[in-house]
Amino acid sequence: MIDPRVMTTYAQYNEDLVLMALFSDVKKGFYIDVGANYPTIDSVTKIFYDKGWCGINIEPLQDLFIQLEKERPRDINLQIGIGDKSGEAEFREIVDLPGHSTFDNHQKKRHNKEHKYVDYNVPVRTLDDVLTEYKPKHIEFLKIDVEGFEYQVIAGNKWNKFRPEVVCIESNHVSQDWRPLLTTQRYRLFITDGLNEYYVAEENWRRTVGFAERMVVLDYHALRQHHSQSWAQDSKDLDRLHKLVGTMHQQLETQSAEVNRARNLTSLTLKERPWLSRLKRSFYGLTIDWYRHQKARKR
């Protein structure tokens, strides 16, 4: 029997577990996901959505936006970019690596010879503009994964007005140093995992207390998405095997019944009876045959 505490996680670098450990006391919170990408694969917010949370997903790629609309009906899904000013910006879609698609010119040059891409203009709004429109009462966390465009995203928010408790930001493509923008707004670096940096608002620093213990427990019970899919497939295969065994058992019971019937029929033959019994049976049979023959002649 599977431990009921086991949960499937989806994020690439355990971002969902880190955030769950920080928000272990929140049953239904609100998130902002800038650069949401897929609604399930490598998703930071999928596990929260499944637990009843909701939020705003920002994703400029049309195919991924359509998937978000289908799988996240409770969320607000926007097919736009987020920058430091509203308008339009040229977006490079990396066809075979959609997660590396970007507005950032440095990242465009990095991928221009390695992969097939398409450039086109995308509507861009500031984070402040979006949050002013949708008016979230409270924001538990903001996740930013925009392939080098982080500075513009951060610069476009009014941090004294909209203050997520935690900011999880991918930090391996720093085209323009955005860190001072956060630290001057009273956000403190909590941890870094080699890919992301987690900043906590000073007024919410209490969330970091006891984090390590909660993280260990969550990680112990975490089932990675590909492991979960493999387990689910194994369960389906076992179910099919169980049904097949049941069908074969029924067929064996039918065949066994046929064998027993055949045995009963053979018991009507004279082969294994005593010779006197066989002689009486033979005379009886001959008598019946003679009677039928005589009856037929009279007709």
C-alpha atoms as a PDB file:
ATOM      1  CA  MET A   1       0.000   0.000   0.000  1.00  0.00           C
ATOM      2  CA  ILE A   2       1.316   3.438  -0.958  1.00  0.00           C
ATOM      3  CA  ASP A   3       1.940   5.894   1.864  1.00  0.00           C
ATOM      4  CA  PRO A   4      -0.804   8.573   1.627  1.00  0.00           C
ATOM      5  CA  ARG A   5       1.832  11.219   2.278  1.00  0.00           C
ATOM      6  CA  VAL A   6       3.544  10.440  -1.038  1.00  0.00           C
ATOM      7  CA  MET A   7       3.024  13.255  -3.557  1.00  0.00           C
ATOM      8  CA  THR A   8       4.033  13.775  -7.155  1.00  0.00           C
ATOM      9  CA  THR A   9       6.263  16.787  -7.809  1.00  0.00           C
ATOM     10  CA  TYR A  10       6.823  18.401 -11.184  1.00  0.00           C
ATOM     11  CA  ALA A  11       9.397  21.188 -10.991  1.00  0.00           C
ATOM     12  CA  GLN A  12      12.789  20.668 -12.583  1.00  0.00           C
ATOM     13  CA  TYR A  13      14.935  21.636  -9.584  1.00  0.00           C
ATOM     14  CA  ASN A  14      12.550  20.934  -6.684  1.00  0.00           C
ATOM     15  CA  GLU A  15      11.275  24.503  -6.773  1.00  0.00           C
ATOM     16  CA  ASP A  16       7.781  23.314  -5.871  1.00  0.00           C
ATOM     17  CA  LEU A  17       9.114  21.468  -2.807  1.00  0.00           C
ATOM     18  CA  VAL A  18      11.101  24.492  -1.641  1.00  0.00           C
ATOM     19  CA  LEU A  19       8.048  26.712  -1.962  1.00  0.00           C
ATOM     20  CA  MET A  20       5.813  24.140  -0.280  1.00  0.00           C
ATOM     21  CA  ALA A  21       8.219  24.013   2.657  1.00  0.00           C
ATOM     22  CA  LEU A  22       8.016  27.801   2.914  1.00  0.00           C
ATOM     23  CA  PHE A  23       4.205  27.816   2.675  1.00  0.00           C
ATOM     24  CA  SER A  24       3.396  24.643   4.595  1.00  0.00           C
ATOM     25  CA  ASP A  25       0.695  26.443   6.581  1.00  0.00           C
ATOM     26  CA  VAL A  26      -1.162  27.856   3.544  1.00  0.00           C
ATOM     27  CA  LYS A  27      -4.001  25.719   2.182  1.00  0.00           C
ATOM     28  CA  LYS A  28      -5.152  27.973  -0.657  1.00  0.00           C
ATOM     29  CA  GLY A  29      -2.741  30.648  -1.776  1.00  0.00           C
ATOM     30  CA  PHE A  30      -2.078  32.757  -4.860  1.00  0.00           C
ATOM     31  CA  TYR A  31       0.916  32.660  -7.209  1.00  0.00           C
ATOM     32  CA  ILE A  32       2.235  34.610 -10.176  1.00  0.00           C
ATOM     33  CA  ASP A  33       4.113  32.534 -12.753  1.00  0.00           C
ATOM     34  CA  VAL A  34       6.007  34.649 -15.284  1.00  0.00           C
ATOM     35  CA  GLY A  35       7.281  32.297 -17.955  1.00  0.00           C
ATOM     36  CA  ALA A  36       4.892  29.514 -16.987  1.00  0.00           C
ATOM     37  CA  ASN A  37       5.851  27.196 -19.861  1.00  0.00           C
ATOM     38  CA  TYR A  38       4.008  23.845 -19.697  1.00  0.00           C
ATOM     39  CA  PRO A  39       1.079  23.418 -17.279  1.00  0.00           C
ATOM     40  CA  THR A  40       2.523  20.110 -16.026  1.00  0.00           C
ATOM     41  CA  ILE A  41       6.008  19.274 -17.327  1.00  0.00           C
ATOM     42  CA  ASP A  42       8.672  21.018 -15.199  1.00  0.00           C
ATOM     43  CA  SER A  43       5.936  23.216 -13.733  1.00  0.00           C
ATOM     44  CA  VAL A  44       6.611  25.033 -10.468  1.00  0.00           C
ATOM     45  CA  THR A  45       2.918  25.727  -9.833  1.00  0.00           C
ATOM     46  CA  LYS A  46       1.230  22.448 -10.873  1.00  0.00           C
ATOM     47  CA  ILE A  47       1.416  20.892  -7.398  1.00  0.00           C
ATOM     48  CA  PHE A  48      -0.099  24.044  -5.859  1.00  0.00           C
ATOM     49  CA  TYR A  49      -2.936  24.111  -8.400  1.00  0.00           C
ATOM     50  CA  ASP A  50      -3.740  20.479  -7.568  1.00  0.00           C
ATOM     51  CA  LYS A  51      -3.919  21.444  -3.889  1.00  0.00           C
ATOM     52  CA  GLY A  52      -6.491  24.162  -4.550  1.00  0.00           C
ATOM     53  CA  TRP A  53      -4.293  27.214  -5.149  1.00  0.00           C
ATOM     54  CA  CYS A  54      -4.770  29.516  -8.127  1.00  0.00           C
ATOM     55  CA  GLY A  55      -2.911  32.363  -9.754  1.00  0.00           C
ATOM     56  CA  ILE A  56      -1.823  34.175 -12.906  1.00  0.00           C
ATOM     57  CA  ASN A  57       0.211  32.396 -15.581  1.00  0.00           C
ATOM     58  CA  ILE A  58       2.129  34.477 -18.109  1.00  0.00           C
ATOM     59  CA  GLU A  59       3.123  32.586 -21.267  1.00  0.00           C
ATOM     60  CA  PRO A  60       3.713  34.196 -24.698  1.00  0.00           C
ATOM     61  CA  LEU A  61       4.013  30.913 -26.639  1.00  0.00           C
ATOM     62  CA  GLN A  62       0.644  30.122 -28.211  1.00  0.00           C
ATOM     63  CA  ASP A  63       0.838  26.309 -27.999  1.00  0.00           C
ATOM     64  CA  LEU A  64       1.756  26.430 -24.322  1.00  0.00           C
ATOM     65  CA  PHE A  65      -0.858  29.096 -23.625  1.00  0.00           C
ATOM     66  CA  ILE A  66      -3.543  26.844 -25.168  1.00  0.00           C
ATOM     67  CA  GLN A  67      -2.440  23.990 -22.908  1.00  0.00           C
ATOM     68  CA  LEU A  68      -2.600  26.280 -19.879  1.00  0.00           C
ATOM     69  CA  GLU A  69      -6.101  27.390 -20.814  1.00  0.00           C
ATOM     70  CA  LYS A  70      -7.188  23.759 -21.067  1.00  0.00           C
ATOM     71  CA  GLU A  71      -5.533  22.405 -17.910  1.00  0.00           C
ATOM     72  CA  ARG A  72      -5.740  25.462 -15.636  1.00  0.00           C
ATOM     73  CA  PRO A  73      -9.339  26.742 -15.858  1.00  0.00           C
ATOM     74  CA  ARG A  74      -9.178  28.259 -12.352  1.00  0.00           C
ATOM     75  CA  ASP A  75      -6.106  30.298 -13.235  1.00  0.00           C
ATOM     76  CA  ILE A  76      -5.836  33.563 -15.139  1.00  0.00           C
ATOM     77  CA  ASN A  77      -3.787  32.711 -18.238  1.00  0.00           C
ATOM     78  CA  LEU A  78      -2.303  35.529 -20.320  1.00  0.00           C
ATOM     79  CA  GLN A  79      -0.579  35.170 -23.688  1.00  0.00           C
ATOM     80  CA  ILE A  80       1.724  38.150 -23.271  1.00  0.00           C
ATOM     81  CA  GLY A  81       5.234  39.080 -22.237  1.00  0.00           C
ATOM     82  CA  ILE A  82       6.167  40.976 -19.077  1.00  0.00           C
ATOM     83  CA  GLY A  83       8.628  43.881 -19.265  1.00  0.00           C
ATOM     84  CA  ASP A  84       9.510  47.279 -17.829  1.00  0.00           C
ATOM     85  CA  LYS A  85       7.063  49.077 -20.131  1.00  0.00           C
ATOM     86  CA  SER A  86       3.886  48.249 -22.033  1.00  0.00           C
ATOM     87  CA  GLY A  87       3.834  47.865 -25.808  1.00  0.00           C
ATOM     88  CA  GLU A  88       5.317  45.214 -28.081  1.00  0.00           C
ATOM     89  CA  ALA A  89       8.664  43.428 -28.177  1.00  0.00           C
ATOM     90  CA  GLU A  90      10.318  40.990 -30.556  1.00  0.00           C
ATOM     91  CA  PHE A  91      10.135  37.480 -29.182  1.00  0.00           C
ATOM     92  CA  ARG A  92      12.309  34.608 -30.344  1.00  0.00           C
ATOM     93  CA  GLU A  93      10.609  31.221 -30.182  1.00  0.00           C
ATOM     94  CA  ILE A  94      13.137  28.397 -30.062  1.00  0.00           C
ATOM     95  CA  VAL A  95      11.164  25.763 -31.934  1.00  0.00           C
ATOM     96  CA  ASP A  96      12.788  22.609 -30.523  1.00  0.00           C
ATOM     97  CA  LEU A  97      13.473  24.105 -27.064  1.00  0.00           C
ATOM     98  CA  PRO A  98      10.436  26.232 -26.187  1.00  0.00           C
ATOM     99  CA  GLY A  99      11.685  26.699 -22.627  1.00  0.00           C
ATOM    100  CA  HIS A 100      14.616  28.733 -23.983  1.00  0.00           C
ATOM    101  CA  SER A 101      12.466  31.147 -25.974  1.00  0.00           C
ATOM    102  CA  THR A 102      13.244  34.734 -25.004  1.00  0.00           C
ATOM    103  CA  PHE A 103      12.908  38.482 -25.426  1.00  0.00           C
ATOM    104  CA  ASP A 104      16.525  39.015 -24.378  1.00  0.00           C
ATOM    105  CA  ASN A 105      18.989  39.945 -27.132  1.00  0.00           C
ATOM    106  CA  HIS A 106      21.929  38.235 -25.406  1.00  0.00           C
ATOM    107  CA  GLN A 107      20.056  34.928 -25.255  1.00  0.00           C
ATOM    108  CA  LYS A 108      18.925  35.319 -28.869  1.00  0.00           C
ATOM    109  CA  LYS A 109      22.558  35.487 -29.998  1.00  0.00           C
ATOM    110  CA  ARG A 110      23.385  32.480 -27.861  1.00  0.00           C
ATOM    111  CA  HIS A 111      20.867  30.234 -29.632  1.00  0.00           C
ATOM    112  CA  ASN A 112      20.879  31.733 -33.143  1.00  0.00           C
ATOM    113  CA  LYS A 113      23.157  29.042 -34.621  1.00  0.00           C
ATOM    114  CA  GLU A 114      22.274  26.043 -32.473  1.00  0.00           C
ATOM    115  CA  HIS A 115      18.522  25.719 -32.925  1.00  0.00           C
ATOM    116  CA  LYS A 116      15.710  26.528 -35.300  1.00  0.00           C
ATOM    117  CA  TYR A 117      13.838  29.663 -34.255  1.00  0.00           C
ATOM    118  CA  VAL A 118      11.090  32.076 -35.293  1.00  0.00           C
ATOM    119  CA  ASP A 119      10.999  35.797 -34.441  1.00  0.00           C
ATOM    120  CA  TYR A 120       7.737  37.713 -34.051  1.00  0.00           C
ATOM    121  CA  ASN A 121       6.280  40.570 -32.033  1.00  0.00           C
ATOM    122  CA  VAL A 122       4.367  39.880 -28.821  1.00  0.00           C
ATOM    123  CA  PRO A 123       2.279  42.250 -26.665  1.00  0.00           C
ATOM    124  CA  VAL A 124       4.143  43.214 -23.497  1.00  0.00           C
ATOM    125  CA  ARG A 125       2.735  44.602 -20.252  1.00  0.00           C
ATOM    126  CA  THR A 126       4.306  45.520 -16.951  1.00  0.00           C
ATOM    127  CA  LEU A 127       3.752  43.375 -13.892  1.00  0.00           C
ATOM    128  CA  ASP A 128       2.264  46.403 -12.151  1.00  0.00           C
ATOM    129  CA  ASP A 129      -0.239  46.844 -14.996  1.00  0.00           C
ATOM    130  CA  VAL A 130      -1.368  43.194 -14.828  1.00  0.00           C
ATOM    131  CA  LEU A 131      -1.660  43.131 -11.042  1.00  0.00           C
ATOM    132  CA  THR A 132      -3.518  46.449 -11.013  1.00  0.00           C
ATOM    133  CA  GLU A 133      -6.069  44.951 -13.415  1.00  0.00           C
ATOM    134  CA  TYR A 134      -6.638  41.674 -11.570  1.00  0.00           C
ATOM    135  CA  LYS A 135      -6.149  43.013  -8.024  1.00  0.00           C
ATOM    136  CA  PRO A 136      -4.932  39.938  -6.101  1.00  0.00           C
ATOM    137  CA  LYS A 137      -5.557  40.386  -2.377  1.00  0.00           C
ATOM    138  CA  HIS A 138      -2.323  38.672  -1.470  1.00  0.00           C
ATOM    139  CA  ILE A 139       0.523  37.018  -3.381  1.00  0.00           C
ATOM    140  CA  GLU A 140       2.297  34.109  -1.729  1.00  0.00           C
ATOM    141  CA  PHE A 141       5.025  33.775  -4.328  1.00  0.00           C
ATOM    142  CA  LEU A 142       6.216  35.118  -7.660  1.00  0.00           C
ATOM    143  CA  LYS A 143       8.180  32.807  -9.933  1.00  0.00           C
ATOM    144  CA  ILE A 144      10.202  34.298 -12.805  1.00  0.00           C
ATOM    145  CA  ASP A 145      11.792  32.234 -15.587  1.00  0.00           C
ATOM    146  CA  VAL A 146      12.276  34.445 -18.641  1.00  0.00           C
ATOM    147  CA  GLU A 147      15.689  33.509 -20.037  1.00  0.00           C
ATOM    148  CA  GLY A 148      17.656  36.704 -19.413  1.00  0.00           C
ATOM    149  CA  PHE A 149      14.720  39.174 -19.299  1.00  0.00           C
ATOM    150  CA  GLU A 150      14.489  39.131 -15.487  1.00  0.00           C
ATOM    151  CA  TYR A 151      15.657  42.727 -14.997  1.00  0.00           C
ATOM    152  CA  GLN A 152      12.811  44.094 -17.119  1.00  0.00           C
ATOM    153  CA  VAL A 153      10.218  41.962 -15.317  1.00  0.00           C
ATOM    154  CA  ILE A 154      11.364  43.129 -11.887  1.00  0.00           C
ATOM    155  CA  ALA A 155      11.701  46.750 -12.983  1.00  0.00           C
ATOM    156  CA  GLY A 156       8.076  46.744 -14.156  1.00  0.00           C
ATOM    157  CA  ASN A 157       6.545  46.105 -10.714  1.00  0.00           C
ATOM    158  CA  LYS A 158       5.690  48.570  -7.955  1.00  0.00           C
ATOM    159  CA  TRP A 159       7.115  46.636  -5.034  1.00  0.00           C
ATOM    160  CA  ASN A 160       5.661  48.892  -2.381  1.00  0.00           C
ATOM    161  CA  LYS A 161       2.202  48.145  -3.825  1.00  0.00           C
ATOM    162  CA  PHE A 162       2.427  44.449  -4.803  1.00  0.00           C
ATOM    163  CA  ARG A 163       4.703  42.477  -2.496  1.00  0.00           C
ATOM    164  CA  PRO A 164       4.898  38.716  -3.000  1.00  0.00           C
ATOM    165  CA  GLU A 165       6.120  37.051   0.148  1.00  0.00           C
ATOM    166  CA  VAL A 166       8.684  35.038  -1.814  1.00  0.00           C
ATOM    167  CA  VAL A 167      10.316  35.541  -5.221  1.00  0.00           C
ATOM    168  CA  CYS A 168      11.762  32.478  -6.968  1.00  0.00           C
ATOM    169  CA  ILE A 169      13.846  33.616  -9.913  1.00  0.00           C
ATOM    170  CA  GLU A 170      16.003  31.691 -12.373  1.00  0.00           C
ATOM    171  CA  SER A 171      19.479  33.149 -12.088  1.00  0.00           C
ATOM    172  CA  ASN A 172      21.668  31.311 -14.583  1.00  0.00           C
ATOM    173  CA  HIS A 173      21.141  33.828 -17.418  1.00  0.00           C
ATOM    174  CA  VAL A 174      21.851  37.255 -15.911  1.00  0.00           C
ATOM    175  CA  SER A 175      22.044  39.642 -18.850  1.00  0.00           C
ATOM    176  CA  GLN A 176      21.552  42.668 -16.594  1.00  0.00           C
ATOM    177  CA  ASP A 177      22.025  42.444 -12.836  1.00  0.00           C
ATOM    178  CA  TRP A 178      18.565  42.559 -11.281  1.00  0.00           C
ATOM    179  CA  ARG A 179      19.581  41.713  -7.711  1.00  0.00           C
ATOM    180  CA  PRO A 180      19.887  45.333  -6.490  1.00  0.00           C
ATOM    181  CA  LEU A 181      16.291  45.931  -7.644  1.00  0.00           C
ATOM    182  CA  LEU A 182      15.089  43.322  -5.145  1.00  0.00           C
ATOM    183  CA  THR A 183      17.425  44.034  -2.253  1.00  0.00           C
ATOM    184  CA  THR A 184      16.622  47.751  -2.319  1.00  0.00           C
ATOM    185  CA  GLN A 185      12.943  46.769  -2.014  1.00  0.00           C
ATOM    186  CA  ARG A 186      13.675  44.938   1.270  1.00  0.00           C
ATOM    187  CA  TYR A 187      13.939  41.431  -0.133  1.00  0.00           C
ATOM    188  CA  ARG A 188      16.622  39.184   1.316  1.00  0.00           C
ATOM    189  CA  LEU A 189      18.318  36.265  -0.425  1.00  0.00           C
ATOM    190  CA  PHE A 190      17.331  33.069   1.403  1.00  0.00           C
ATOM    191  CA  ILE A 191      18.809  30.200  -0.600  1.00  0.00           C
ATOM    192  CA  THR A 192      20.258  29.446  -4.017  1.00  0.00           C
ATOM    193  CA  ASP A 193      20.270  26.008  -5.663  1.00  0.00           C
ATOM    194  CA  GLY A 194      22.624  26.636  -8.564  1.00  0.00           C
ATOM    195  CA  LEU A 195      19.761  27.496 -10.922  1.00  0.00           C
ATOM    196  CA  ASN A 196      17.346  29.614  -8.877  1.00  0.00           C
ATOM    197  CA  GLU A 197      17.596  32.204  -6.155  1.00  0.00           C
ATOM    198  CA  TYR A 198      14.873  32.581  -3.539  1.00  0.00           C
ATOM    199  CA  TYR A 199      14.213  35.999  -2.032  1.00  0.00           C
ATOM    200  CA  VAL A 200      11.954  36.520   0.960  1.00  0.00           C
ATOM    201  CA  ALA A 201      10.377  39.851   1.891  1.00  0.00           C
ATOM    202  CA  GLU A 202      11.822  41.073   5.182  1.00  0.00           C
ATOM    203  CA  GLU A 203       8.374  41.291   6.769  1.00  0.00           C
ATOM    204  CA  ASN A 204       7.827  37.600   5.926  1.00  0.00           C
ATOM    205  CA  TRP A 205      11.221  36.267   6.999  1.00  0.00           C
ATOM    206  CA  ARG A 206       9.479  34.172   9.672  1.00  0.00           C
ATOM    207  CA  ARG A 207       8.681  31.686   6.899  1.00  0.00           C
ATOM    208  CA  THR A 208      12.297  30.580   6.820  1.00  0.00           C
ATOM    209  CA  VAL A 209      12.170  29.333  10.432  1.00  0.00           C
ATOM    210  CA  GLY A 210      12.122  25.523  10.500  1.00  0.00           C
ATOM    211  CA  PHE A 211      12.470  25.370   6.717  1.00  0.00           C
ATOM    212  CA  ALA A 212      15.168  22.662   6.683  1.00  0.00           C
ATOM    213  CA  GLU A 213      13.102  20.182   8.698  1.00  0.00           C
ATOM    214  CA  ARG A 214      10.014  20.710   6.550  1.00  0.00           C
ATOM    215  CA  MET A 215      12.053  20.395   3.370  1.00  0.00           C
ATOM    216  CA  VAL A 216      13.559  17.077   4.463  1.00  0.00           C
ATOM    217  CA  VAL A 217      10.114  15.618   5.211  1.00  0.00           C
ATOM    218  CA  LEU A 218       8.664  16.815   1.901  1.00  0.00           C
ATOM    219  CA  ASP A 219      11.621  15.563  -0.094  1.00  0.00           C
ATOM    220  CA  TYR A 220      11.393  12.166   1.619  1.00  0.00           C
ATOM    221  CA  HIS A 221       7.806  11.719   0.452  1.00  0.00           C
ATOM    222  CA  ALA A 222       8.259  13.270  -3.000  1.00  0.00           C
ATOM    223  CA  LEU A 223       7.649  11.155  -6.102  1.00  0.00           C
ATOM    224  CA  ARG A 224       9.116  12.685  -9.232  1.00  0.00           C
ATOM    225  CA  GLN A 225       6.821  13.120 -12.207  1.00  0.00           C
ATOM    226  CA  HIS A 226       8.590  10.557 -14.426  1.00  0.00           C
ATOM    227  CA  HIS A 227       8.580   8.047 -11.566  1.00  0.00           C
ATOM    228  CA  SER A 228       4.883   8.682 -11.030  1.00  0.00           C
ATOM    229  CA  GLN A 229       4.176   8.166 -14.738  1.00  0.00           C
ATOM    230  CA  SER A 230       6.177   4.919 -14.699  1.00  0.00           C
ATOM    231  CA  TRP A 231       4.318   3.732 -11.596  1.00  0.00           C
ATOM    232  CA  ALA A 232       0.970   4.627 -13.192  1.00  0.00           C
ATOM    233  CA  GLN A 233       1.894   2.659 -16.323  1.00  0.00           C
ATOM    234  CA  ASP A 234       2.965  -0.316 -14.210  1.00  0.00           C
ATOM    235  CA  SER A 235      -0.394  -0.145 -12.405  1.00  0.00           C
ATOM    236  CA  LYS A 236      -2.237  -0.213 -15.744  1.00  0.00           C
ATOM    237  CA  ASP A 237      -0.146  -3.164 -16.911  1.00  0.00           C
ATOM    238  CA  LEU A 238      -0.851  -5.036 -13.664  1.00  0.00           C
ATOM    239  CA  ASP A 239      -4.563  -4.328 -14.031  1.00  0.00           C
ATOM    240  CA  ARG A 240      -4.547  -5.702 -17.572  1.00  0.00           C
ATOM    241  CA  LEU A 241      -2.592  -8.764 -16.396  1.00  0.00           C
ATOM    242  CA  HIS A 242      -5.097  -9.333 -13.582  1.00  0.00           C
ATOM    243  CA  LYS A 243      -7.990  -9.222 -16.078  1.00  0.00           C
ATOM    244  CA  LEU A 244      -6.143 -11.585 -18.415  1.00  0.00           C
ATOM    245  CA  VAL A 245      -5.535 -14.072 -15.587  1.00  0.00           C
ATOM    246  CA  GLY A 246      -9.227 -13.846 -14.654  1.00  0.00           C
ATOM    247  CA  THR A 247     -10.249 -14.590 -18.255  1.00  0.00           C
ATOM    248  CA  MET A 248      -7.869 -17.547 -18.440  1.00  0.00           C
ATOM    249  CA  HIS A 249      -9.227 -18.857 -15.125  1.00  0.00           C
ATOM    250  CA  GLN A 250     -12.771 -18.740 -16.506  1.00  0.00           C
ATOM    251  CA  GLN A 251     -11.631 -20.580 -19.651  1.00  0.00           C
ATOM    252  CA  LEU A 252      -9.947 -23.260 -17.517  1.00  0.00           C
ATOM    253  CA  GLU A 253     -13.132 -23.701 -15.484  1.00  0.00           C
ATOM    254  CA  THR A 254     -15.144 -24.116 -18.716  1.00  0.00           C
ATOM    255  CA  GLN A 255     -12.658 -26.651 -20.082  1.00  0.00           C
ATOM    256  CA  SER A 256     -12.676 -28.522 -16.763  1.00  0.00           C
ATOM    257  CA  ALA A 257     -16.466 -28.733 -16.921  1.00  0.00           C
ATOM    258  CA  GLU A 258     -16.220 -30.114 -20.486  1.00  0.00           C
ATOM    259  CA  VAL A 259     -13.725 -32.756 -19.340  1.00  0.00           C
ATOM    260  CA  ASN A 260     -16.013 -33.820 -16.492  1.00  0.00           C
ATOM    261  CA  ARG A 261     -18.955 -34.067 -18.896  1.00  0.00           C
ATOM    262  CA  ALA A 262     -16.900 -36.218 -21.244  1.00  0.00           C
ATOM    263  CA  ARG A 263     -15.939 -38.484 -18.373  1.00  0.00           C
ATOM    264  CA  ASN A 264     -19.585 -38.869 -17.440  1.00  0.00           C
ATOM    265  CA  LEU A 265     -20.412 -39.827 -21.000  1.00  0.00           C
ATOM    266  CA  THR A 266     -17.702 -42.480 -21.100  1.00  0.00           C
ATOM    267  CA  SER A 267     -19.208 -44.015 -17.969  1.00  0.00           C
ATOM    268  CA  LEU A 268     -22.177 -45.006 -20.147  1.00  0.00           C
ATOM    269  CA  THR A 269     -19.961 -47.338 -22.246  1.00  0.00           C
ATOM    270  CA  LEU A 270     -19.476 -51.028 -21.424  1.00  0.00           C
ATOM    271  CA  LYS A 271     -15.696 -51.005 -21.564  1.00  0.00           C
ATOM    272  CA  GLU A 272     -14.980 -50.993 -17.837  1.00  0.00           C
ATOM    273  CA  ARG A 273     -18.120 -52.842 -16.613  1.00  0.00           C
ATOM    274  CA  PRO A 274     -18.084 -56.524 -15.337  1.00  0.00           C
ATOM    275  CA  TRP A 275     -18.619 -59.176 -18.111  1.00  0.00           C
ATOM    276  CA  LEU A 276     -22.016 -60.240 -16.718  1.00  0.00           C
ATOM    277  CA  SER A 277     -23.200 -56.645 -16.666  1.00  0.00           C
ATOM    278  CA  ARG A 278     -21.937 -56.141 -20.196  1.00  0.00           C
ATOM    279  CA  LEU A 279     -23.740 -59.343 -21.325  1.00  0.00           C
ATOM    280  CA  LYS A 280     -27.051 -58.227 -19.810  1.00  0.00           C
ATOM    281  CA  ARG A 281     -26.625 -54.775 -21.368  1.00  0.00           C
ATOM    282  CA  SER A 282     -25.922 -56.342 -24.748  1.00  0.00           C
ATOM    283  CA  PHE A 283     -29.011 -58.592 -24.582  1.00  0.00           C
ATOM    284  CA  TYR A 284     -31.101 -55.594 -23.578  1.00  0.00           C
ATOM    285  CA  GLY A 285     -29.799 -53.615 -26.493  1.00  0.00           C
ATOM    286  CA  LEU A 286     -30.371 -56.467 -28.944  1.00  0.00           C
ATOM    287  CA  THR A 287     -33.909 -56.909 -27.651  1.00  0.00           C
ATOM    288  CA  ILE A 288     -34.688 -53.241 -28.182  1.00  0.00           C
ATOM    289  CA  ASP A 289     -33.217 -53.332 -31.688  1.00  0.00           C
ATOM    290  CA  TRP A 290     -35.224 -56.522 -32.582  1.00  0.00           C
ATOM    291  CA  TYR A 291     -38.446 -54.932 -31.292  1.00  0.00           C
ATOM    292  CA  ARG A 292     -37.893 -51.785 -33.368  1.00  0.00           C
ATOM    293  CA  HIS A 293     -37.110 -53.903 -36.451  1.00  0.00           C
ATOM    294  CA  GLN A 294     -40.334 -55.931 -36.084  1.00  0.00           C
ATOM    295  CA  LYS A 295     -42.365 -52.810 -35.583  1.00  0.00           C
ATOM    296  CA  ALA A 296     -40.928 -51.296 -38.701  1.00  0.00           C
ATOM    297  CA  ARG A 297     -41.797 -54.414 -40.805  1.00  0.00           C
ATOM    298  CA  LYS A 298     -45.482 -54.307 -39.771  1.00  0.00           C
ATOM    299  CA  ARG A 299     -45.758 -50.788 -41.165  1.00  0.00           C
END
